[in-house]
Amino acid sequence: MEINVTFDRPEEGPRSGPVTVGWFLTSDKGAVLYDPPERLIFRQTNKAHSKSASRCPAVIQMESRYFVVKCPFDLHIGFGRDDKGKPHLVNRLGAASPVRGNKLNELLTLVSEAEWRYPDRPTVQMSLPYCFIADELVYISQIGTFAHYRPNPLPGTIFGGRFPLNAWPRPLMWAFEWHEPEKDIILRRGEPLFYCQFEAEGPDRPVQVVEAERTPELAKYMEQIGGVVNYVNQTFGLFKAAEALRPAKLLTPKVRE
């Protein structure tokens, strides 16, 4: 699947066209659950009036630069503590939950209390198989869904992040800081989970996102850089070493028959 909308007119040069970013799933297990990332473009909006926000170049320009990753599961999670005071997650849906209890622990992790940024704000992480790759310097920023209206807002904020995906392709996760743990986290399948923004050589260069092949070269490189966060504190210091191991080409667009 290819997403390509261009609103800019960059100068001529070897990198004057859109930068290509590939997305792929790190595993085929349950792949049908995970929708392709979509560009944040609102459809079925009022475009009849020339002054409508739907036709505003500034609005269109901004929206075109964000890509949406949707939530793959229906979840209703509460926070609790056992009789020893140890924090844990509570599956409010119980037997009615679409996600089996033994699988929920594989998806959601309550971060160790010692690692919370604030003592009264638990941190929850959802493991996801989404990964992005590029063959030139491209930064990815993962941010909250500021353009998505929720009648019942989430009781906290997501952790953002920014890193060079060409040197450090890694599975993204949804990390949530629970500001009001007395209120439940309710996520619905198909709703925006987070946005991704891509930057390459300044803000003016357009971006196209394509589905990428999980080639042996890409799998090997990810194995070489995988899991190092468990052994060092500052992974950004490893970028130069990672680039020395990296093949020149890792992005191979997938061809659909």
C-alpha atoms as a PDB file:
ATOM      1  CA  MET A   1       0.000   0.000   0.000  1.00  0.00           C
ATOM      2  CA  GLU A   2       1.369   3.410  -0.957  1.00  0.00           C
ATOM      3  CA  ILE A   3       0.394   6.768   0.501  1.00  0.00           C
ATOM      4  CA  ASN A   4       1.702   9.751  -1.429  1.00  0.00           C
ATOM      5  CA  VAL A   5       0.344  13.289  -1.242  1.00  0.00           C
ATOM      6  CA  THR A   6       2.594  16.183  -2.251  1.00  0.00           C
ATOM      7  CA  PHE A   7       1.876  19.829  -1.565  1.00  0.00           C
ATOM      8  CA  ASP A   8       5.410  21.211  -1.807  1.00  0.00           C
ATOM      9  CA  ARG A   9       7.542  22.294  -4.736  1.00  0.00           C
ATOM     10  CA  PRO A  10      11.103  21.501  -3.642  1.00  0.00           C
ATOM     11  CA  GLU A  11      14.091  22.701  -5.592  1.00  0.00           C
ATOM     12  CA  GLU A  12      15.705  20.389  -8.106  1.00  0.00           C
ATOM     13  CA  GLY A  13      18.446  18.043  -6.936  1.00  0.00           C
ATOM     14  CA  PRO A  14      19.229  14.424  -6.170  1.00  0.00           C
ATOM     15  CA  ARG A  15      16.955  14.513  -3.141  1.00  0.00           C
ATOM     16  CA  SER A  16      14.382  16.980  -4.386  1.00  0.00           C
ATOM     17  CA  GLY A  17      11.515  14.476  -4.599  1.00  0.00           C
ATOM     18  CA  PRO A  18       9.569  12.909  -1.751  1.00  0.00           C
ATOM     19  CA  VAL A  19      11.532  10.950   0.808  1.00  0.00           C
ATOM     20  CA  THR A  20      10.389   7.329   0.972  1.00  0.00           C
ATOM     21  CA  VAL A  21       9.661   5.766   4.351  1.00  0.00           C
ATOM     22  CA  GLY A  22       8.812   2.087   4.573  1.00  0.00           C
ATOM     23  CA  TRP A  23       6.597   0.495   7.200  1.00  0.00           C
ATOM     24  CA  PHE A  24       6.435  -3.173   8.110  1.00  0.00           C
ATOM     25  CA  LEU A  25       5.372  -5.509  10.893  1.00  0.00           C
ATOM     26  CA  THR A  26       8.142  -7.236  12.801  1.00  0.00           C
ATOM     27  CA  SER A  27       6.058 -10.422  12.903  1.00  0.00           C
ATOM     28  CA  ASP A  28       3.320 -11.936  10.752  1.00  0.00           C
ATOM     29  CA  LYS A  29       1.533 -13.269  13.830  1.00  0.00           C
ATOM     30  CA  GLY A  30      -1.942 -11.716  13.903  1.00  0.00           C
ATOM     31  CA  ALA A  31      -1.002  -9.367  11.048  1.00  0.00           C
ATOM     32  CA  VAL A  32      -4.655  -9.027  10.005  1.00  0.00           C
ATOM     33  CA  LEU A  33      -5.263  -7.035  13.216  1.00  0.00           C
ATOM     34  CA  TYR A  34      -2.856  -4.247  12.294  1.00  0.00           C
ATOM     35  CA  ASP A  35      -4.079  -1.671   9.780  1.00  0.00           C
ATOM     36  CA  PRO A  36      -1.595   0.158   7.540  1.00  0.00           C
ATOM     37  CA  PRO A  37      -0.615   3.642   8.750  1.00  0.00           C
ATOM     38  CA  GLU A  38      -2.830   6.298   7.156  1.00  0.00           C
ATOM     39  CA  ARG A  39      -2.167   9.918   6.363  1.00  0.00           C
ATOM     40  CA  LEU A  40      -4.126  12.276   8.597  1.00  0.00           C
ATOM     41  CA  ILE A  41      -6.523  13.699   6.019  1.00  0.00           C
ATOM     42  CA  PHE A  42     -10.102  14.327   7.058  1.00  0.00           C
ATOM     43  CA  ARG A  43     -12.617  13.203   4.458  1.00  0.00           C
ATOM     44  CA  GLN A  44     -16.355  13.867   4.144  1.00  0.00           C
ATOM     45  CA  THR A  45     -15.894  17.357   5.491  1.00  0.00           C
ATOM     46  CA  ASN A  46     -17.457  20.600   4.245  1.00  0.00           C
ATOM     47  CA  LYS A  47     -15.566  21.806   1.169  1.00  0.00           C
ATOM     48  CA  ALA A  48     -18.397  23.702  -0.462  1.00  0.00           C
ATOM     49  CA  HIS A  49     -17.385  27.105   0.874  1.00  0.00           C
ATOM     50  CA  SER A  50     -14.116  28.580  -0.328  1.00  0.00           C
ATOM     51  CA  LYS A  51     -13.282  29.691   3.225  1.00  0.00           C
ATOM     52  CA  SER A  52     -13.964  26.290   4.782  1.00  0.00           C
ATOM     53  CA  ALA A  53     -11.111  24.965   6.934  1.00  0.00           C
ATOM     54  CA  SER A  54     -11.235  21.816   4.785  1.00  0.00           C
ATOM     55  CA  ARG A  55      -9.884  23.873   1.870  1.00  0.00           C
ATOM     56  CA  CYS A  56      -7.363  25.919   3.826  1.00  0.00           C
ATOM     57  CA  PRO A  57      -3.837  25.260   2.426  1.00  0.00           C
ATOM     58  CA  ALA A  58      -2.303  25.645   5.876  1.00  0.00           C
ATOM     59  CA  VAL A  59      -4.653  23.027   7.359  1.00  0.00           C
ATOM     60  CA  ILE A  60      -4.109  20.641   4.443  1.00  0.00           C
ATOM     61  CA  GLN A  61      -0.346  21.126   4.667  1.00  0.00           C
ATOM     62  CA  MET A  62      -0.298  20.352   8.369  1.00  0.00           C
ATOM     63  CA  GLU A  63      -2.603  17.334   8.211  1.00  0.00           C
ATOM     64  CA  SER A  64      -0.663  15.794   5.326  1.00  0.00           C
ATOM     65  CA  ARG A  65       2.470  15.559   7.460  1.00  0.00           C
ATOM     66  CA  TYR A  66       1.049  13.218  10.108  1.00  0.00           C
ATOM     67  CA  PHE A  67       0.369   9.506   9.776  1.00  0.00           C
ATOM     68  CA  VAL A  68      -2.101   7.642  11.975  1.00  0.00           C
ATOM     69  CA  VAL A  69      -1.500   4.284  13.630  1.00  0.00           C
ATOM     70  CA  LYS A  70      -4.795   2.779  14.787  1.00  0.00           C
ATOM     71  CA  CYS A  71      -5.494   0.770  17.910  1.00  0.00           C
ATOM     72  CA  PRO A  72      -5.706  -2.952  17.059  1.00  0.00           C
ATOM     73  CA  PHE A  73      -7.625  -4.034  20.193  1.00  0.00           C
ATOM     74  CA  ASP A  74     -10.642  -3.280  22.362  1.00  0.00           C
ATOM     75  CA  LEU A  75      -9.370  -2.767  25.910  1.00  0.00           C
ATOM     76  CA  HIS A  76     -10.861  -1.563  29.193  1.00  0.00           C
ATOM     77  CA  ILE A  77      -8.161  -1.480  31.851  1.00  0.00           C
ATOM     78  CA  GLY A  78      -8.181  -0.364  35.460  1.00  0.00           C
ATOM     79  CA  PHE A  79      -5.412   0.168  37.989  1.00  0.00           C
ATOM     80  CA  GLY A  80      -5.201  -1.547  41.344  1.00  0.00           C
ATOM     81  CA  ARG A  81      -2.918  -2.696  44.131  1.00  0.00           C
ATOM     82  CA  ASP A  82      -2.855  -6.079  45.824  1.00  0.00           C
ATOM     83  CA  ASP A  83      -2.915  -6.685  49.588  1.00  0.00           C
ATOM     84  CA  LYS A  84       0.832  -6.018  49.689  1.00  0.00           C
ATOM     85  CA  GLY A  85       0.504  -2.725  47.863  1.00  0.00           C
ATOM     86  CA  LYS A  86       2.001  -4.000  44.621  1.00  0.00           C
ATOM     87  CA  PRO A  87       0.460  -2.241  41.580  1.00  0.00           C
ATOM     88  CA  HIS A  88      -1.226  -4.277  38.855  1.00  0.00           C
ATOM     89  CA  LEU A  89      -3.589  -3.925  35.896  1.00  0.00           C
ATOM     90  CA  VAL A  90      -7.245  -4.965  36.092  1.00  0.00           C
ATOM     91  CA  ASN A  91      -9.118  -6.264  33.044  1.00  0.00           C
ATOM     92  CA  ARG A  92     -12.492  -4.592  33.602  1.00  0.00           C
ATOM     93  CA  LEU A  93     -14.161  -6.603  30.818  1.00  0.00           C
ATOM     94  CA  GLY A  94     -13.326  -9.904  32.485  1.00  0.00           C
ATOM     95  CA  ALA A  95     -14.736 -12.875  30.588  1.00  0.00           C
ATOM     96  CA  ALA A  96     -16.388 -10.471  28.114  1.00  0.00           C
ATOM     97  CA  SER A  97     -13.020  -9.119  26.985  1.00  0.00           C
ATOM     98  CA  PRO A  98     -12.197  -9.746  23.297  1.00  0.00           C
ATOM     99  CA  VAL A  99      -8.583 -10.298  24.408  1.00  0.00           C
ATOM    100  CA  ARG A 100      -8.024 -13.462  26.447  1.00  0.00           C
ATOM    101  CA  GLY A 101      -6.599 -12.868  29.895  1.00  0.00           C
ATOM    102  CA  ASN A 102      -3.448 -14.884  29.246  1.00  0.00           C
ATOM    103  CA  LYS A 103      -2.786 -12.813  26.106  1.00  0.00           C
ATOM    104  CA  LEU A 104      -3.426  -9.454  27.766  1.00  0.00           C
ATOM    105  CA  ASN A 105      -0.178  -9.712  29.711  1.00  0.00           C
ATOM    106  CA  GLU A 106       1.678 -10.164  26.415  1.00  0.00           C
ATOM    107  CA  LEU A 107       0.195  -6.909  25.082  1.00  0.00           C
ATOM    108  CA  LEU A 108       0.200  -4.612  28.098  1.00  0.00           C
ATOM    109  CA  THR A 109       2.947  -4.085  30.658  1.00  0.00           C
ATOM    110  CA  LEU A 110       2.769  -2.032  33.820  1.00  0.00           C
ATOM    111  CA  VAL A 111       6.233  -0.534  34.132  1.00  0.00           C
ATOM    112  CA  SER A 112       8.058  -1.143  37.396  1.00  0.00           C
ATOM    113  CA  GLU A 113       6.996   1.459  39.947  1.00  0.00           C
ATOM    114  CA  ALA A 114      10.625   2.489  40.491  1.00  0.00           C
ATOM    115  CA  GLU A 115      10.759   3.641  36.858  1.00  0.00           C
ATOM    116  CA  TRP A 116       7.680   5.900  36.895  1.00  0.00           C
ATOM    117  CA  ARG A 117       8.476   9.552  36.240  1.00  0.00           C
ATOM    118  CA  TYR A 118       6.129  10.580  39.071  1.00  0.00           C
ATOM    119  CA  PRO A 119       5.250   8.430  42.092  1.00  0.00           C
ATOM    120  CA  ASP A 120       1.497   8.870  41.551  1.00  0.00           C
ATOM    121  CA  ARG A 121       1.444   8.331  37.766  1.00  0.00           C
ATOM    122  CA  PRO A 122       1.757   4.706  36.656  1.00  0.00           C
ATOM    123  CA  THR A 123       3.280   4.013  33.258  1.00  0.00           C
ATOM    124  CA  VAL A 124       1.711   1.447  30.920  1.00  0.00           C
ATOM    125  CA  GLN A 125       3.226   0.106  27.697  1.00  0.00           C
ATOM    126  CA  MET A 126       1.513  -1.668  24.809  1.00  0.00           C
ATOM    127  CA  SER A 127       3.751  -3.791  22.612  1.00  0.00           C
ATOM    128  CA  LEU A 128       3.198  -3.316  18.876  1.00  0.00           C
ATOM    129  CA  PRO A 129       4.862  -4.782  15.755  1.00  0.00           C
ATOM    130  CA  TYR A 130       4.878  -1.519  13.743  1.00  0.00           C
ATOM    131  CA  CYS A 131       8.316  -0.496  12.486  1.00  0.00           C
ATOM    132  CA  PHE A 132       9.569   2.129  10.005  1.00  0.00           C
ATOM    133  CA  ILE A 133      12.716   2.249   7.873  1.00  0.00           C
ATOM    134  CA  ALA A 134      14.368   4.621   5.383  1.00  0.00           C
ATOM    135  CA  ASP A 135      17.613   4.606   3.396  1.00  0.00           C
ATOM    136  CA  GLU A 136      18.472   8.231   4.163  1.00  0.00           C
ATOM    137  CA  LEU A 137      18.393  10.364   7.289  1.00  0.00           C
ATOM    138  CA  VAL A 138      14.791  10.585   8.466  1.00  0.00           C
ATOM    139  CA  TYR A 139      13.610  11.390  11.966  1.00  0.00           C
ATOM    140  CA  ILE A 140      10.355   9.967  13.274  1.00  0.00           C
ATOM    141  CA  SER A 141       8.363  11.693  16.015  1.00  0.00           C
ATOM    142  CA  GLN A 142       5.672   9.740  17.822  1.00  0.00           C
ATOM    143  CA  ILE A 143       2.999  11.988  19.335  1.00  0.00           C
ATOM    144  CA  GLY A 144      -0.514  11.935  20.752  1.00  0.00           C
ATOM    145  CA  THR A 145      -3.712  12.055  18.701  1.00  0.00           C
ATOM    146  CA  PHE A 146      -4.352  15.780  19.077  1.00  0.00           C
ATOM    147  CA  ALA A 147      -6.829  15.904  16.151  1.00  0.00           C
ATOM    148  CA  HIS A 148      -8.997  13.023  17.393  1.00  0.00           C
ATOM    149  CA  TYR A 149     -11.952  13.953  19.622  1.00  0.00           C
ATOM    150  CA  ARG A 150     -12.777  11.591  22.467  1.00  0.00           C
ATOM    151  CA  PRO A 151     -16.081  12.160  24.321  1.00  0.00           C
ATOM    152  CA  ASN A 152     -14.373  10.530  27.309  1.00  0.00           C
ATOM    153  CA  PRO A 153     -10.720  11.633  27.272  1.00  0.00           C
ATOM    154  CA  LEU A 154      -7.994   9.227  28.270  1.00  0.00           C
ATOM    155  CA  PRO A 155      -6.904   9.768  31.902  1.00  0.00           C
ATOM    156  CA  GLY A 156      -3.348  10.720  31.014  1.00  0.00           C
ATOM    157  CA  THR A 157      -0.917  11.387  28.203  1.00  0.00           C
ATOM    158  CA  ILE A 158       1.218   9.275  25.902  1.00  0.00           C
ATOM    159  CA  PHE A 159       4.991   9.384  25.931  1.00  0.00           C
ATOM    160  CA  GLY A 160       6.280  10.986  22.759  1.00  0.00           C
ATOM    161  CA  GLY A 161       9.637  10.251  21.220  1.00  0.00           C
ATOM    162  CA  ARG A 162      11.916  11.238  18.353  1.00  0.00           C
ATOM    163  CA  PHE A 163      14.810   9.283  16.790  1.00  0.00           C
ATOM    164  CA  PRO A 164      16.463   8.635  13.387  1.00  0.00           C
ATOM    165  CA  LEU A 165      14.611   5.639  11.982  1.00  0.00           C
ATOM    166  CA  ASN A 166      17.157   5.007   9.218  1.00  0.00           C
ATOM    167  CA  ALA A 167      19.811   4.149  11.820  1.00  0.00           C
ATOM    168  CA  TRP A 168      17.544   2.801  14.525  1.00  0.00           C
ATOM    169  CA  PRO A 169      14.523   0.896  13.130  1.00  0.00           C
ATOM    170  CA  ARG A 170      12.705  -0.513  16.112  1.00  0.00           C
ATOM    171  CA  PRO A 171       9.158  -1.621  16.940  1.00  0.00           C
ATOM    172  CA  LEU A 172       7.070   1.229  18.264  1.00  0.00           C
ATOM    173  CA  MET A 173       5.074   0.910  21.432  1.00  0.00           C
ATOM    174  CA  TRP A 174       2.237   2.864  22.963  1.00  0.00           C
ATOM    175  CA  ALA A 175       3.515   4.226  26.282  1.00  0.00           C
ATOM    176  CA  PHE A 176       0.979   5.913  28.535  1.00  0.00           C
ATOM    177  CA  GLU A 177       1.428   7.986  31.673  1.00  0.00           C
ATOM    178  CA  TRP A 178      -1.637   7.456  33.841  1.00  0.00           C
ATOM    179  CA  HIS A 179      -2.303  10.845  35.477  1.00  0.00           C
ATOM    180  CA  GLU A 180      -5.591   9.719  37.037  1.00  0.00           C
ATOM    181  CA  PRO A 181      -5.218   6.008  37.832  1.00  0.00           C
ATOM    182  CA  GLU A 182      -8.620   6.033  39.539  1.00  0.00           C
ATOM    183  CA  LYS A 183     -10.087   6.389  36.041  1.00  0.00           C
ATOM    184  CA  ASP A 184      -9.968   3.505  33.570  1.00  0.00           C
ATOM    185  CA  ILE A 185      -8.152   3.371  30.244  1.00  0.00           C
ATOM    186  CA  ILE A 186     -10.640   2.582  27.471  1.00  0.00           C
ATOM    187  CA  LEU A 187      -9.279   1.913  23.988  1.00  0.00           C
ATOM    188  CA  ARG A 188     -11.311   0.841  20.987  1.00  0.00           C
ATOM    189  CA  ARG A 189     -10.121  -1.029  17.949  1.00  0.00           C
ATOM    190  CA  GLY A 190      -9.883   1.235  14.890  1.00  0.00           C
ATOM    191  CA  GLU A 191      -9.475   4.483  16.833  1.00  0.00           C
ATOM    192  CA  PRO A 192      -6.267   6.503  16.383  1.00  0.00           C
ATOM    193  CA  LEU A 193      -3.672   5.310  18.899  1.00  0.00           C
ATOM    194  CA  PHE A 194      -0.861   7.742  18.035  1.00  0.00           C
ATOM    195  CA  TYR A 195       0.506   9.864  15.186  1.00  0.00           C
ATOM    196  CA  CYS A 196       3.857   9.680  13.442  1.00  0.00           C
ATOM    197  CA  GLN A 197       5.597  12.644  11.830  1.00  0.00           C
ATOM    198  CA  PHE A 198       8.636  12.250   9.566  1.00  0.00           C
ATOM    199  CA  GLU A 199      11.344  14.871   8.997  1.00  0.00           C
ATOM    200  CA  ALA A 200      13.966  14.731   6.263  1.00  0.00           C
ATOM    201  CA  GLU A 201      16.272  17.648   5.422  1.00  0.00           C
ATOM    202  CA  GLY A 202      14.048  20.299   6.872  1.00  0.00           C
ATOM    203  CA  PRO A 203      10.276  20.716   7.079  1.00  0.00           C
ATOM    204  CA  ASP A 204       9.558  21.311   3.376  1.00  0.00           C
ATOM    205  CA  ARG A 205      10.379  17.946   1.864  1.00  0.00           C
ATOM    206  CA  PRO A 206       7.282  15.759   1.321  1.00  0.00           C
ATOM    207  CA  VAL A 207       7.066  12.170   2.529  1.00  0.00           C
ATOM    208  CA  GLN A 208       5.629   9.043   0.976  1.00  0.00           C
ATOM    209  CA  VAL A 209       5.007   5.952   3.104  1.00  0.00           C
ATOM    210  CA  VAL A 210       5.065   2.508   1.470  1.00  0.00           C
ATOM    211  CA  GLU A 211       4.816  -1.012   2.803  1.00  0.00           C
ATOM    212  CA  ALA A 212       8.285  -2.564   3.005  1.00  0.00           C
ATOM    213  CA  GLU A 213       9.586  -6.101   2.676  1.00  0.00           C
ATOM    214  CA  ARG A 214      11.058  -7.659   5.789  1.00  0.00           C
ATOM    215  CA  THR A 215      14.190  -8.761   3.972  1.00  0.00           C
ATOM    216  CA  PRO A 216      16.951 -10.967   5.471  1.00  0.00           C
ATOM    217  CA  GLU A 217      19.290  -7.938   5.474  1.00  0.00           C
ATOM    218  CA  LEU A 218      16.759  -5.862   7.404  1.00  0.00           C
ATOM    219  CA  ALA A 219      16.065  -8.697   9.848  1.00  0.00           C
ATOM    220  CA  LYS A 220      19.804  -9.169  10.470  1.00  0.00           C
ATOM    221  CA  TYR A 221      20.381  -5.461  11.100  1.00  0.00           C
ATOM    222  CA  MET A 222      17.477  -5.283  13.553  1.00  0.00           C
ATOM    223  CA  GLU A 223      18.893  -8.310  15.350  1.00  0.00           C
ATOM    224  CA  GLN A 224      22.235  -6.517  15.678  1.00  0.00           C
ATOM    225  CA  ILE A 225      20.702  -3.457  17.349  1.00  0.00           C
ATOM    226  CA  GLY A 226      17.808  -5.166  19.133  1.00  0.00           C
ATOM    227  CA  GLY A 227      17.460  -5.291  22.902  1.00  0.00           C
ATOM    228  CA  VAL A 228      20.415  -3.050  23.712  1.00  0.00           C
ATOM    229  CA  VAL A 229      18.191  -0.802  25.841  1.00  0.00           C
ATOM    230  CA  ASN A 230      18.340  -3.569  28.461  1.00  0.00           C
ATOM    231  CA  TYR A 231      22.116  -3.191  28.779  1.00  0.00           C
ATOM    232  CA  VAL A 232      22.905   0.523  28.342  1.00  0.00           C
ATOM    233  CA  ASN A 233      21.226   3.719  29.491  1.00  0.00           C
ATOM    234  CA  GLN A 234      21.894   6.017  26.531  1.00  0.00           C
ATOM    235  CA  THR A 235      21.129   4.156  23.298  1.00  0.00           C
ATOM    236  CA  PHE A 236      21.511   7.365  21.253  1.00  0.00           C
ATOM    237  CA  GLY A 237      25.246   7.033  21.833  1.00  0.00           C
ATOM    238  CA  LEU A 238      25.179   3.840  19.768  1.00  0.00           C
ATOM    239  CA  PHE A 239      23.873   5.436  16.562  1.00  0.00           C
ATOM    240  CA  LYS A 240      27.305   5.853  14.962  1.00  0.00           C
ATOM    241  CA  ALA A 241      28.226   2.266  15.747  1.00  0.00           C
ATOM    242  CA  ALA A 242      24.889   1.111  14.326  1.00  0.00           C
ATOM    243  CA  GLU A 243      25.420   3.074  11.108  1.00  0.00           C
ATOM    244  CA  ALA A 244      28.804   1.373  10.672  1.00  0.00           C
ATOM    245  CA  LEU A 245      27.023  -1.996  10.654  1.00  0.00           C
ATOM    246  CA  ARG A 246      24.154  -0.856   8.455  1.00  0.00           C
ATOM    247  CA  PRO A 247      23.956  -1.928   4.799  1.00  0.00           C
ATOM    248  CA  ALA A 248      23.494   0.957   2.345  1.00  0.00           C
ATOM    249  CA  LYS A 249      20.044  -0.318   1.348  1.00  0.00           C
ATOM    250  CA  LEU A 250      17.459  -1.709   3.737  1.00  0.00           C
ATOM    251  CA  LEU A 251      14.206  -0.407   2.266  1.00  0.00           C
ATOM    252  CA  THR A 252      12.602  -2.665  -0.356  1.00  0.00           C
ATOM    253  CA  PRO A 253       9.025  -1.694  -1.206  1.00  0.00           C
ATOM    254  CA  LYS A 254       6.656  -4.663  -1.117  1.00  0.00           C
ATOM    255  CA  VAL A 255       5.160  -5.662  -4.450  1.00  0.00           C
ATOM    256  CA  ARG A 256       1.564  -6.871  -4.202  1.00  0.00           C
ATOM    257  CA  GLU A 257       0.590  -9.523  -6.742  1.00  0.00           C
END
